[in-house]
Amino acid sequence: MDKPGLLKNEEAILYSSQYDLPVTGEGGGEYTMPDYYPEIRRLVSVSAKALPDSKFLSGNLLEFGGTIAFSILYIGDDGSLVCVPYACEYSGNSQLPSEPQGGGAAIHVETTAEAPQCRVLAPRSVSLKTRLRTRIMADAANVYSCRAVDTDGERAGAEDLATLETLPDMISTVKRGYTSATGSATGELRERAGTKLISCDGTVNVTDAAAKKDAIQVKGDICIRCLALAPDGIYTILRGSIPFEEVMTAEGAEEGDAATAWGRVASVSVQADEETGVIHMDAEYDLNGLWSKVAQVPVTQDVYSTEYDLEARHSELGVLSLLCCSNGALSLNGSGQRQSKAGANDYLIDISAQPAIEKVECKDHKLIFSGNCGIKALIASEGDVVSEEFTIPLKYELRTQDDAAPQDIIWQAVCCSVDTSGRIEGSQIHAVAELSIAAHAVQKTQHSPVTEAILDKYAKRDTDESCIRICFPEAGQRVWEIAKRCSANGAEVERINKTQRDAVCDGNPLIIK
């Protein structure tokens, strides 16, 4: 029979998770606004986002940092609604358990800003703080080979190799690679003349990500939302989208690999012509991409010799295999109870969504991502502006070929809001949110392939050619197990009995030779 290539000094690579570490911290600072901003009468809300990280690795010490972009919405002393941006740097470090192994995917660092807080120190001075949650990920490339040696550690010769019977197996593994890019997009909105802008922000909606040769092609839209004051004195939200297409460098990616991408808008600058109502928009954005290369790797599951006593040494490997890698969309709707007193002339200024996926489970060949979507509503009420908040449960499902236990799943799911709408009915706030989701998940599977076959002393076998050996196996035993116990040539056992070595015996006699 043909021997598996792993006994001919050929090597295979199996990928495992080297580390997946959470790091928490804080960021923020004190900010004094310029004099041309009105004094703060009352805070309405504050938001924050962490812009892409820079990182530096020295030995196994990883340093990382970036920028936190705050947005402070308040009522000024003149009764107007004002939005003030503030940006500050943050940094952190983590002592990694070990230095990254060569050949695996590069280290990927992802930071999110959560639970921002704002405290007024003076009429134009505030103190800002947000919790930072950083995730550090890297895979290891494990070179697998199966050596056949004698008890002195010398590689077995051709004659000794010819006595080996191997049980090959194929293990599914996945190599993951990360990449990033920056881009810009421009567009226009046409509104009524005299419309005054208060604030602008945007999100990245990736509609398609496809792996190409050494690249990931990403298509989508930059979704822009502007809070504005209309000529009739009514606050309103202006919406627009700017299509984009980027080709991200991804060395090692190939056509047909699974790919996903996500991003965030770093900044939006707008210029409004109050006479014509034309609003010119310029958006700077950052993209992250991930590609997954799936491979079937041959290993030696078991081995024995027909002529020698043999010791097989196994290696415990936690191998990554792909569950899903895709971009998708989800619609949510729900309602919340107002905490402030409802007025007859109240109207909804804005409603925004902040989704977060918190856990994943696998059931019936489906990955089920779940979490909550935080809804924030701005309501004009009795000449004032109030903020109301509530949450809507979030659930997103993807098909997968395999089921996996939660503790064996390593996953990423980046979710953002691309459009929201709502209405007020009495004391109820109704919201609809359109979400964009980039999801990726792998599972850790444990394997114990043979890494070394140590041939001991020659074992005398019964070589009487006139003898026919017959085994009466128990039901459920495999042909391979019986041939191994009898030190028989597996190919001969297959041929004589017209079976396969991984077949399960049904209790009928088995001719060994």
Protein backbone atom coordinates (compact mmCIF):
# COMPACT_ATOMS: atom_id res chain seq x y z
CA MET A 1 0.00 0.00 0.00
CA ASP A 2 1.05 3.63 -0.43
CA LYS A 3 2.50 5.07 2.75
CA PRO A 4 1.21 8.49 3.87
CA GLY A 5 3.62 11.26 2.96
CA LEU A 6 4.06 12.15 6.61
CA LEU A 7 6.48 9.21 6.91
CA LYS A 8 8.56 10.66 4.10
CA ASN A 9 9.73 13.80 5.88
CA GLU A 10 6.86 15.88 4.53
CA GLU A 11 5.31 18.34 7.00
CA ALA A 12 1.84 19.75 7.51
CA ILE A 13 0.71 22.83 9.45
CA LEU A 14 -2.14 22.78 11.95
CA TYR A 15 -3.36 26.09 13.40
CA SER A 16 -4.35 26.65 17.01
CA SER A 17 -5.25 29.68 19.11
CA GLN A 18 -2.08 30.91 20.80
CA TYR A 19 -3.90 33.45 22.93
CA ASP A 20 -7.18 35.33 23.15
CA LEU A 21 -6.72 37.82 25.97
CA PRO A 22 -9.07 40.45 27.41
CA VAL A 23 -7.53 43.69 28.75
CA THR A 24 -9.59 46.40 30.43
CA GLY A 25 -8.69 50.00 31.14
CA GLU A 26 -9.98 53.56 31.18
CA GLY A 27 -9.51 56.63 29.05
CA GLY A 28 -10.58 60.22 29.02
CA GLY A 29 -9.54 63.62 30.33
CA GLU A 30 -10.66 67.13 31.17
CA TYR A 31 -11.71 69.50 28.42
CA THR A 32 -12.35 73.24 28.45
CA MET A 33 -14.41 74.44 25.51
CA PRO A 34 -13.53 77.57 23.55
CA ASP A 35 -15.43 80.76 24.44
CA TYR A 36 -17.51 80.66 21.26
CA TYR A 37 -19.44 77.68 22.65
CA PRO A 38 -22.38 78.58 24.91
CA GLU A 39 -22.13 77.67 28.57
CA ILE A 40 -23.57 74.35 29.67
CA ARG A 41 -27.01 74.57 31.16
CA ARG A 42 -27.69 70.81 31.15
CA LEU A 43 -26.00 67.73 29.74
CA VAL A 44 -28.15 65.64 27.41
CA SER A 45 -25.89 62.73 26.45
CA VAL A 46 -22.32 61.68 25.76
CA SER A 47 -20.95 59.03 23.39
CA ALA A 48 -17.46 57.65 22.76
CA LYS A 49 -15.67 55.40 20.30
CA ALA A 50 -12.14 54.05 20.21
CA LEU A 51 -10.39 54.54 16.89
CA PRO A 52 -8.02 51.86 15.49
CA ASP A 53 -5.10 50.81 17.60
CA SER A 54 -1.39 51.09 17.00
CA LYS A 55 0.70 48.31 18.52
CA PHE A 56 4.34 47.54 19.29
CA LEU A 57 5.72 44.18 20.38
CA SER A 58 8.98 43.82 22.30
CA GLY A 59 9.65 40.22 23.30
CA ASN A 60 6.34 39.23 24.81
CA LEU A 61 5.36 42.73 25.99
CA LEU A 62 2.65 44.20 23.76
CA GLU A 63 2.02 47.94 23.89
CA PHE A 64 -0.99 49.41 22.14
CA GLY A 65 -2.78 52.72 21.88
CA GLY A 66 -5.12 54.90 19.90
CA THR A 67 -7.61 57.75 20.12
CA ILE A 68 -10.92 58.09 21.93
CA ALA A 69 -13.42 60.34 20.17
CA PHE A 70 -16.05 61.78 22.54
CA SER A 71 -19.20 63.60 21.48
CA ILE A 72 -20.92 65.79 24.13
CA LEU A 73 -24.50 66.90 23.55
CA TYR A 74 -25.86 69.59 25.86
CA ILE A 75 -28.38 72.42 26.23
CA GLY A 76 -26.61 75.78 26.22
CA ASP A 77 -27.43 78.77 28.36
CA ASP A 78 -29.12 80.27 25.31
CA GLY A 79 -31.51 77.29 25.12
CA SER A 80 -29.92 75.84 21.99
CA LEU A 81 -28.84 72.25 21.46
CA VAL A 82 -25.05 72.04 21.11
CA CYS A 83 -22.69 69.18 20.24
CA VAL A 84 -18.99 69.41 21.09
CA PRO A 85 -16.34 66.86 19.97
CA TYR A 86 -13.33 66.00 22.07
CA ALA A 87 -10.49 63.59 21.25
CA CYS A 88 -7.79 62.24 23.52
CA GLU A 89 -5.18 59.51 23.32
CA TYR A 90 -5.16 56.28 25.27
CA SER A 91 -2.56 53.56 25.74
CA GLY A 92 -2.22 50.15 27.36
CA ASN A 93 0.05 47.15 27.54
CA SER A 94 -0.15 43.43 28.17
CA GLN A 95 2.45 40.85 29.09
CA LEU A 96 1.71 38.02 26.67
CA PRO A 97 2.02 34.44 27.96
CA SER A 98 4.63 33.74 25.27
CA GLU A 99 6.21 35.32 22.24
CA PRO A 100 4.14 34.92 19.05
CA GLN A 101 5.05 31.82 17.08
CA GLY A 102 6.19 32.31 13.51
CA GLY A 103 3.97 31.22 10.66
CA GLY A 104 0.66 31.92 12.38
CA ALA A 105 -1.67 34.85 11.88
CA ALA A 106 -0.37 38.23 13.04
CA ILE A 107 -1.43 39.69 16.37
CA HIS A 108 -4.77 41.47 16.15
CA VAL A 109 -5.84 44.10 18.69
CA GLU A 110 -9.43 45.34 18.89
CA THR A 111 -10.53 48.03 21.38
CA THR A 112 -14.04 49.28 22.11
CA ALA A 113 -15.21 52.16 24.31
CA GLU A 114 -18.07 51.44 26.69
CA ALA A 115 -20.19 53.31 29.25
CA PRO A 116 -18.94 56.87 28.62
CA GLN A 117 -19.45 59.40 31.40
CA CYS A 118 -19.35 63.19 31.49
CA ARG A 119 -19.20 65.46 34.55
CA VAL A 120 -19.53 69.25 34.37
CA LEU A 121 -16.70 71.01 36.20
CA ALA A 122 -17.47 74.59 35.15
CA PRO A 123 -19.81 76.32 32.65
CA ARG A 124 -17.48 75.36 29.77
CA SER A 125 -15.36 72.65 31.36
CA VAL A 126 -16.09 68.92 31.58
CA SER A 127 -14.43 65.73 32.78
CA LEU A 128 -14.82 62.72 30.45
CA LYS A 129 -14.23 59.05 31.13
CA THR A 130 -14.98 55.77 29.37
CA ARG A 131 -14.23 52.12 30.00
CA LEU A 132 -11.96 50.50 27.40
CA ARG A 133 -12.20 46.84 26.56
CA THR A 134 -9.33 45.45 24.49
CA ARG A 135 -9.05 41.99 22.96
CA ILE A 136 -5.66 40.60 21.87
CA MET A 137 -5.69 37.61 19.53
CA ALA A 138 -3.09 35.51 17.73
CA ASP A 139 -2.90 32.02 16.27
CA ALA A 140 0.01 29.60 16.31
CA ALA A 141 1.17 27.52 13.36
CA ASN A 142 2.06 24.02 14.56
CA VAL A 143 4.25 22.01 12.23
CA TYR A 144 3.09 18.40 12.29
CA SER A 145 5.11 15.38 11.18
CA CYS A 146 5.28 11.70 12.10
CA ARG A 147 8.78 10.25 12.47
CA ALA A 148 9.71 6.59 12.45
CA VAL A 149 12.89 5.94 14.47
CA ASP A 150 14.63 3.12 16.28
CA THR A 151 15.27 3.05 20.02
CA ASP A 152 18.51 5.03 19.52
CA GLY A 153 16.62 7.85 17.86
CA GLU A 154 18.00 7.11 14.39
CA ARG A 155 15.54 7.42 11.51
CA ALA A 156 14.21 4.07 10.40
CA GLY A 157 15.51 2.67 7.13
CA ALA A 158 13.48 1.73 4.06
CA GLU A 159 13.10 -1.94 5.09
CA ASP A 160 11.83 -0.98 8.53
CA LEU A 161 9.44 1.61 7.07
CA ALA A 162 8.04 -1.12 4.82
CA THR A 163 6.81 -2.96 7.92
CA LEU A 164 4.72 -0.01 9.13
CA GLU A 165 0.97 0.02 8.89
CA THR A 166 -0.56 3.48 9.28
CA LEU A 167 -4.10 4.64 9.79
CA PRO A 168 -4.35 8.05 8.06
CA ASP A 169 -6.86 10.71 8.96
CA MET A 170 -7.75 14.16 7.62
CA ILE A 171 -8.06 17.07 10.06
CA SER A 172 -9.79 20.30 9.10
CA THR A 173 -7.81 23.40 10.06
CA VAL A 174 -8.04 27.11 9.29
CA LYS A 175 -5.43 29.82 8.91
CA ARG A 176 -6.71 33.29 9.80
CA GLY A 177 -5.18 36.53 8.63
CA TYR A 178 -6.05 40.13 9.53
CA THR A 179 -5.56 43.29 7.52
CA SER A 180 -6.57 46.94 7.74
CA ALA A 181 -6.91 50.00 5.54
CA THR A 182 -8.03 53.62 5.65
CA GLY A 183 -10.10 55.49 3.13
CA SER A 184 -12.18 58.57 2.47
CA ALA A 185 -15.48 59.29 0.74
CA THR A 186 -17.30 62.43 -0.33
CA GLY A 187 -20.95 63.15 -1.05
CA GLU A 188 -23.76 65.66 -0.85
CA LEU A 189 -27.10 66.09 0.89
CA ARG A 190 -29.76 68.48 -0.33
CA GLU A 191 -31.96 70.08 2.32
CA ARG A 192 -34.01 73.22 2.76
CA ALA A 193 -32.11 76.47 2.62
CA GLY A 194 -31.35 77.84 6.07
CA THR A 195 -30.86 74.43 7.68
CA LYS A 196 -28.16 74.68 10.40
CA LEU A 197 -26.06 71.66 11.32
CA ILE A 198 -25.45 70.77 14.96
CA SER A 199 -23.50 67.50 14.70
CA CYS A 200 -22.59 64.78 12.20
CA ASP A 201 -21.50 61.19 12.59
CA GLY A 202 -21.40 58.06 10.48
CA THR A 203 -21.09 54.30 10.41
CA VAL A 204 -19.56 51.85 7.95
CA ASN A 205 -21.98 49.40 6.36
CA VAL A 206 -20.03 46.61 4.64
CA THR A 207 -22.31 44.86 2.16
CA ASP A 208 -19.75 42.53 0.56
CA ALA A 209 -16.27 41.22 1.36
CA ALA A 210 -14.52 38.79 -1.01
CA ALA A 211 -11.04 37.30 -0.89
CA LYS A 212 -8.86 37.77 -3.95
CA LYS A 213 -5.22 36.99 -4.68
CA ASP A 214 -3.35 38.66 -1.78
CA ALA A 215 -6.27 41.01 -1.19
CA ILE A 216 -9.79 41.45 0.20
CA GLN A 217 -12.22 43.44 -1.91
CA VAL A 218 -14.70 45.35 0.25
CA LYS A 219 -17.84 47.16 -0.88
CA GLY A 220 -20.37 49.09 1.15
CA ASP A 221 -21.72 52.47 2.18
CA ILE A 222 -20.77 55.20 4.59
CA CYS A 223 -24.03 56.01 6.36
CA ILE A 224 -24.11 59.66 7.48
CA ARG A 225 -26.47 61.10 10.12
CA CYS A 226 -26.59 64.81 10.84
CA LEU A 227 -28.49 66.50 13.66
CA ALA A 228 -29.77 69.82 12.34
CA LEU A 229 -32.03 72.74 13.11
CA ALA A 230 -34.54 73.37 10.31
CA PRO A 231 -35.58 76.91 9.27
CA ASP A 232 -38.93 76.43 11.04
CA GLY A 233 -37.12 75.87 14.37
CA ILE A 234 -37.71 72.12 14.44
CA TYR A 235 -34.81 69.79 15.20
CA THR A 236 -34.40 67.09 12.57
CA ILE A 237 -32.10 64.28 11.43
CA LEU A 238 -30.60 64.34 7.95
CA ARG A 239 -29.55 61.01 6.45
CA GLY A 240 -27.30 60.19 3.53
CA SER A 241 -25.09 57.39 2.26
CA ILE A 242 -21.87 57.42 0.26
CA PRO A 243 -20.87 54.21 -1.57
CA PHE A 244 -17.28 53.04 -1.30
CA GLU A 245 -15.07 50.23 -2.56
CA GLU A 246 -11.65 49.31 -1.21
CA VAL A 247 -9.07 46.64 -2.05
CA MET A 248 -7.25 45.74 1.17
CA THR A 249 -3.84 44.10 0.98
CA ALA A 250 -4.02 40.58 2.46
CA GLU A 251 -0.83 38.69 1.74
CA GLY A 252 -1.50 34.96 1.48
CA ALA A 253 -5.22 35.27 0.74
CA GLU A 254 -6.54 33.49 -2.34
CA GLU A 255 -9.69 33.50 -4.43
CA GLY A 256 -12.31 31.38 -2.69
CA ASP A 257 -11.10 31.96 0.88
CA ALA A 258 -13.78 33.03 3.34
CA ALA A 259 -13.62 36.74 4.17
CA THR A 260 -15.36 39.33 6.30
CA ALA A 261 -14.79 43.02 6.97
CA TRP A 262 -15.99 45.78 9.26
CA GLY A 263 -15.10 49.39 9.93
CA ARG A 264 -15.80 52.65 11.67
CA VAL A 265 -16.00 56.27 10.63
CA ALA A 266 -13.09 58.17 12.16
CA SER A 267 -14.37 61.64 11.31
CA VAL A 268 -17.04 63.47 9.34
CA SER A 269 -16.61 67.05 8.15
CA VAL A 270 -19.52 68.93 6.61
CA GLN A 271 -20.03 72.28 4.99
CA ALA A 272 -23.54 73.60 4.54
CA ASP A 273 -24.61 76.26 2.09
CA GLU A 274 -27.48 77.91 3.94
CA GLU A 275 -28.70 79.65 0.79
CA THR A 276 -29.00 76.54 -1.40
CA GLY A 277 -29.35 73.86 1.31
CA VAL A 278 -26.55 71.75 -0.22
CA ILE A 279 -24.45 69.99 2.42
CA HIS A 280 -21.01 68.76 1.34
CA MET A 281 -19.78 65.75 3.33
CA ASP A 282 -16.29 64.32 3.70
CA ALA A 283 -15.83 61.12 5.73
CA GLU A 284 -12.61 59.42 6.83
CA TYR A 285 -12.99 55.76 7.73
CA ASP A 286 -10.97 52.76 8.88
CA LEU A 287 -11.51 49.18 7.76
CA ASN A 288 -10.53 45.84 9.25
CA GLY A 289 -10.60 42.66 7.22
CA LEU A 290 -10.25 38.99 8.08
CA TRP A 291 -9.70 36.11 5.69
CA SER A 292 -9.84 32.41 6.54
CA LYS A 293 -8.07 29.72 4.56
CA VAL A 294 -9.53 26.27 5.17
CA ALA A 295 -7.38 23.17 4.60
CA GLN A 296 -7.64 19.43 5.09
CA VAL A 297 -4.38 18.23 6.63
CA PRO A 298 -3.35 14.54 6.62
CA VAL A 299 -2.15 13.07 9.92
CA THR A 300 -1.38 9.58 11.22
CA GLN A 301 -4.08 8.51 13.61
CA ASP A 302 -2.51 5.17 14.56
CA VAL A 303 0.48 3.03 13.54
CA TYR A 304 1.91 -0.45 14.13
CA SER A 305 4.56 -2.71 12.62
CA THR A 306 4.10 -6.20 11.18
CA GLU A 307 7.66 -7.17 12.22
CA TYR A 308 8.67 -5.11 15.24
CA ASP A 309 7.33 -4.18 18.63
CA LEU A 310 6.48 -0.51 18.43
CA GLU A 311 5.77 2.41 20.76
CA ALA A 312 3.61 5.18 19.32
CA ARG A 313 3.91 8.65 20.80
CA HIS A 314 0.95 10.99 20.38
CA SER A 315 0.70 14.75 20.60
CA GLU A 316 -2.30 16.62 22.02
CA LEU A 317 -3.33 19.36 19.59
CA GLY A 318 -6.14 21.92 19.87
CA VAL A 319 -6.82 22.60 16.20
CA LEU A 320 -8.95 25.46 14.87
CA SER A 321 -11.63 24.70 12.29
CA LEU A 322 -13.96 27.21 10.63
CA LEU A 323 -17.60 27.60 11.68
CA CYS A 324 -18.57 30.80 9.87
CA CYS A 325 -17.13 33.92 8.24
CA SER A 326 -19.57 36.41 6.70
CA ASN A 327 -21.19 39.82 6.58
CA GLY A 328 -24.92 40.15 7.10
CA ALA A 329 -27.79 42.41 8.08
CA LEU A 330 -30.47 42.36 10.78
CA SER A 331 -33.63 44.38 11.47
CA LEU A 332 -34.76 45.00 15.04
CA ASN A 333 -37.87 46.63 16.43
CA GLY A 334 -39.05 47.18 19.96
CA SER A 335 -40.57 49.63 22.42
CA GLY A 336 -39.61 51.32 25.66
CA GLN A 337 -41.40 53.24 28.38
CA ARG A 338 -40.73 56.97 28.76
CA GLN A 339 -39.34 58.06 32.13
CA SER A 340 -39.96 61.77 31.56
CA LYS A 341 -43.40 63.36 31.60
CA ALA A 342 -45.08 63.33 28.18
CA GLY A 343 -46.32 66.62 26.72
CA ALA A 344 -48.96 67.22 24.07
CA ASN A 345 -46.47 68.86 21.65
CA ASP A 346 -43.54 66.50 22.18
CA TYR A 347 -41.76 65.23 19.10
CA LEU A 348 -38.94 62.80 18.44
CA ILE A 349 -35.72 64.53 17.36
CA ASP A 350 -33.49 61.50 16.96
CA ILE A 351 -33.27 57.86 17.80
CA SER A 352 -29.95 56.01 17.73
CA ALA A 353 -28.92 52.41 18.33
CA GLN A 354 -25.84 50.93 19.96
CA PRO A 355 -25.86 47.12 19.39
CA ALA A 356 -23.59 44.70 21.23
CA ILE A 357 -23.31 40.93 20.77
CA GLU A 358 -22.49 39.34 24.11
CA LYS A 359 -22.51 35.56 23.64
CA VAL A 360 -22.81 32.76 21.12
CA GLU A 361 -24.17 29.22 21.20
CA CYS A 362 -24.37 26.46 18.63
CA LYS A 363 -27.50 24.38 18.14
CA ASP A 364 -28.96 22.37 15.26
CA HIS A 365 -26.14 23.40 12.93
CA LYS A 366 -26.74 27.07 13.68
CA LEU A 367 -24.56 29.65 15.36
CA ILE A 368 -26.80 31.88 17.46
CA PHE A 369 -25.30 35.26 18.36
CA SER A 370 -27.25 37.13 21.02
CA GLY A 371 -27.01 40.37 22.95
CA ASN A 372 -28.77 43.69 23.35
CA CYS A 373 -29.23 46.82 21.31
CA GLY A 374 -29.22 50.01 23.37
CA ILE A 375 -31.70 52.59 22.09
CA LYS A 376 -31.28 56.29 22.86
CA ALA A 377 -34.09 58.69 21.95
CA LEU A 378 -33.84 62.49 21.97
CA ILE A 379 -37.22 64.12 22.53
CA ALA A 380 -38.15 67.78 22.30
CA SER A 381 -40.48 68.34 25.23
CA GLU A 382 -41.97 71.59 26.51
CA GLY A 383 -39.12 73.71 25.08
CA ASP A 384 -36.46 71.36 26.43
CA VAL A 385 -34.64 68.29 25.13
CA VAL A 386 -34.64 65.04 27.12
CA SER A 387 -32.85 61.75 26.52
CA GLU A 388 -34.61 58.42 27.01
CA GLU A 389 -32.91 55.00 26.92
CA PHE A 390 -34.04 51.37 26.70
CA THR A 391 -32.80 48.10 25.21
CA ILE A 392 -34.04 45.63 22.60
CA PRO A 393 -32.89 41.97 22.64
CA LEU A 394 -30.70 41.02 19.70
CA LYS A 395 -30.39 37.60 18.05
CA TYR A 396 -28.58 36.71 14.82
CA GLU A 397 -28.27 33.21 13.33
CA LEU A 398 -25.85 31.69 10.83
CA ARG A 399 -25.76 28.20 9.36
CA THR A 400 -22.74 26.03 10.07
CA GLN A 401 -21.80 22.47 9.16
CA ASP A 402 -20.74 21.45 12.65
CA ASP A 403 -22.12 21.87 16.15
CA ALA A 404 -19.76 23.05 18.87
CA ALA A 405 -19.89 23.60 22.62
CA PRO A 406 -19.74 27.27 23.73
CA GLN A 407 -16.40 26.77 25.48
CA ASP A 408 -14.88 25.49 22.23
CA ILE A 409 -15.92 28.49 20.12
CA ILE A 410 -13.65 31.47 19.47
CA TRP A 411 -15.70 34.21 17.89
CA GLN A 412 -15.82 37.81 16.80
CA ALA A 413 -18.96 39.73 15.94
CA VAL A 414 -18.86 43.44 15.15
CA CYS A 415 -22.30 45.01 14.94
CA CYS A 416 -23.22 48.58 14.03
CA SER A 417 -26.36 50.57 13.31
CA VAL A 418 -26.76 51.80 9.72
CA ASP A 419 -30.23 53.34 10.03
CA THR A 420 -32.84 53.96 12.73
CA SER A 421 -36.35 55.32 12.89
CA GLY A 422 -39.01 55.65 15.55
CA ARG A 423 -42.11 57.35 16.85
CA ILE A 424 -43.75 58.40 20.11
CA GLU A 425 -47.16 57.14 21.14
CA GLY A 426 -48.13 58.56 24.50
CA SER A 427 -45.63 57.24 27.02
CA GLN A 428 -44.27 54.64 24.62
CA ILE A 429 -41.25 55.01 22.31
CA HIS A 430 -41.20 52.69 19.31
CA ALA A 431 -37.87 52.08 17.54
CA VAL A 432 -36.71 50.27 14.39
CA ALA A 433 -32.98 49.66 13.85
CA GLU A 434 -31.22 48.33 10.76
CA LEU A 435 -27.94 46.66 11.71
CA SER A 436 -24.85 45.52 9.84
CA ILE A 437 -22.99 42.50 11.27
CA ALA A 438 -19.56 41.07 10.54
CA ALA A 439 -19.29 37.62 12.15
CA HIS A 440 -16.49 35.10 12.34
CA ALA A 441 -16.21 31.95 14.46
CA VAL A 442 -13.91 28.95 14.73
CA GLN A 443 -14.02 25.98 17.04
CA LYS A 444 -11.21 24.31 18.93
CA THR A 445 -11.14 20.57 18.32
CA GLN A 446 -8.83 18.22 20.21
CA HIS A 447 -6.79 15.66 18.29
CA SER A 448 -4.08 13.16 19.28
CA PRO A 449 -2.20 12.16 16.11
CA VAL A 450 0.95 10.05 16.17
CA THR A 451 4.11 12.14 16.06
CA GLU A 452 6.70 9.39 16.57
CA ALA A 453 6.80 5.65 15.95
CA ILE A 454 9.67 4.00 17.87
CA LEU A 455 10.60 0.58 16.47
CA ASP A 456 11.86 -1.77 19.18
CA LYS A 457 13.30 -5.28 18.89
CA TYR A 458 12.30 -7.65 16.12
CA ALA A 459 9.28 -9.72 17.14
CA LYS A 460 9.14 -13.25 15.72
CA ARG A 461 5.88 -13.83 13.83
CA ASP A 462 4.20 -16.98 12.67
CA THR A 463 5.31 -17.25 9.02
CA ASP A 464 3.92 -20.72 8.21
CA GLU A 465 2.50 -20.09 4.74
CA SER A 466 0.26 -23.15 4.97
CA CYS A 467 -1.53 -21.76 8.02
CA ILE A 468 -4.79 -19.85 7.70
CA ARG A 469 -5.51 -17.60 10.65
CA ILE A 470 -9.12 -16.72 11.34
CA CYS A 471 -10.40 -14.25 13.93
CA PHE A 472 -13.91 -14.18 15.37
CA PRO A 473 -14.32 -10.51 16.28
CA GLU A 474 -16.89 -9.05 18.60
CA ALA A 475 -19.50 -6.86 16.97
CA GLY A 476 -18.35 -3.24 16.93
CA GLN A 477 -14.63 -3.93 16.60
CA ARG A 478 -12.86 -2.27 13.68
CA VAL A 479 -10.88 -4.20 11.09
CA TRP A 480 -7.89 -1.97 11.86
CA GLU A 481 -7.89 -2.93 15.56
CA ILE A 482 -7.93 -6.65 14.78
CA ALA A 483 -5.17 -6.39 12.17
CA LYS A 484 -3.05 -4.39 14.62
CA ARG A 485 -3.55 -6.91 17.42
CA CYS A 486 -2.50 -9.71 15.10
CA SER A 487 0.40 -7.71 13.57
CA ALA A 488 -1.11 -8.47 10.17
CA ASN A 489 -0.62 -6.64 6.90
CA GLY A 490 -3.59 -4.30 6.68
CA ALA A 491 -3.71 -4.26 2.88
CA GLU A 492 -3.87 -8.07 2.79
CA VAL A 493 -6.63 -8.17 5.38
CA GLU A 494 -8.59 -5.66 3.31
CA ARG A 495 -8.04 -7.59 0.08
CA ILE A 496 -8.86 -11.05 1.41
CA ASN A 497 -12.00 -9.93 3.25
CA LYS A 498 -13.07 -7.34 0.67
CA THR A 499 -13.42 -4.65 3.34
CA GLN A 500 -11.82 -1.43 4.54
CA ARG A 501 -9.56 -1.17 7.56
CA ASP A 502 -11.74 1.49 9.18
CA ALA A 503 -14.85 -0.68 8.71
CA VAL A 504 -16.73 -1.99 11.75
CA CYS A 505 -17.00 -5.77 12.05
CA ASP A 506 -20.46 -7.29 12.15
CA GLY A 507 -19.45 -10.43 14.07
CA ASN A 508 -18.62 -12.62 11.03
CA PRO A 509 -15.24 -14.41 10.94
CA LEU A 510 -12.30 -12.36 9.63
CA ILE A 511 -9.46 -14.03 7.72
CA ILE A 512 -6.16 -12.64 8.91
CA LYS A 513 -3.90 -14.50 6.40
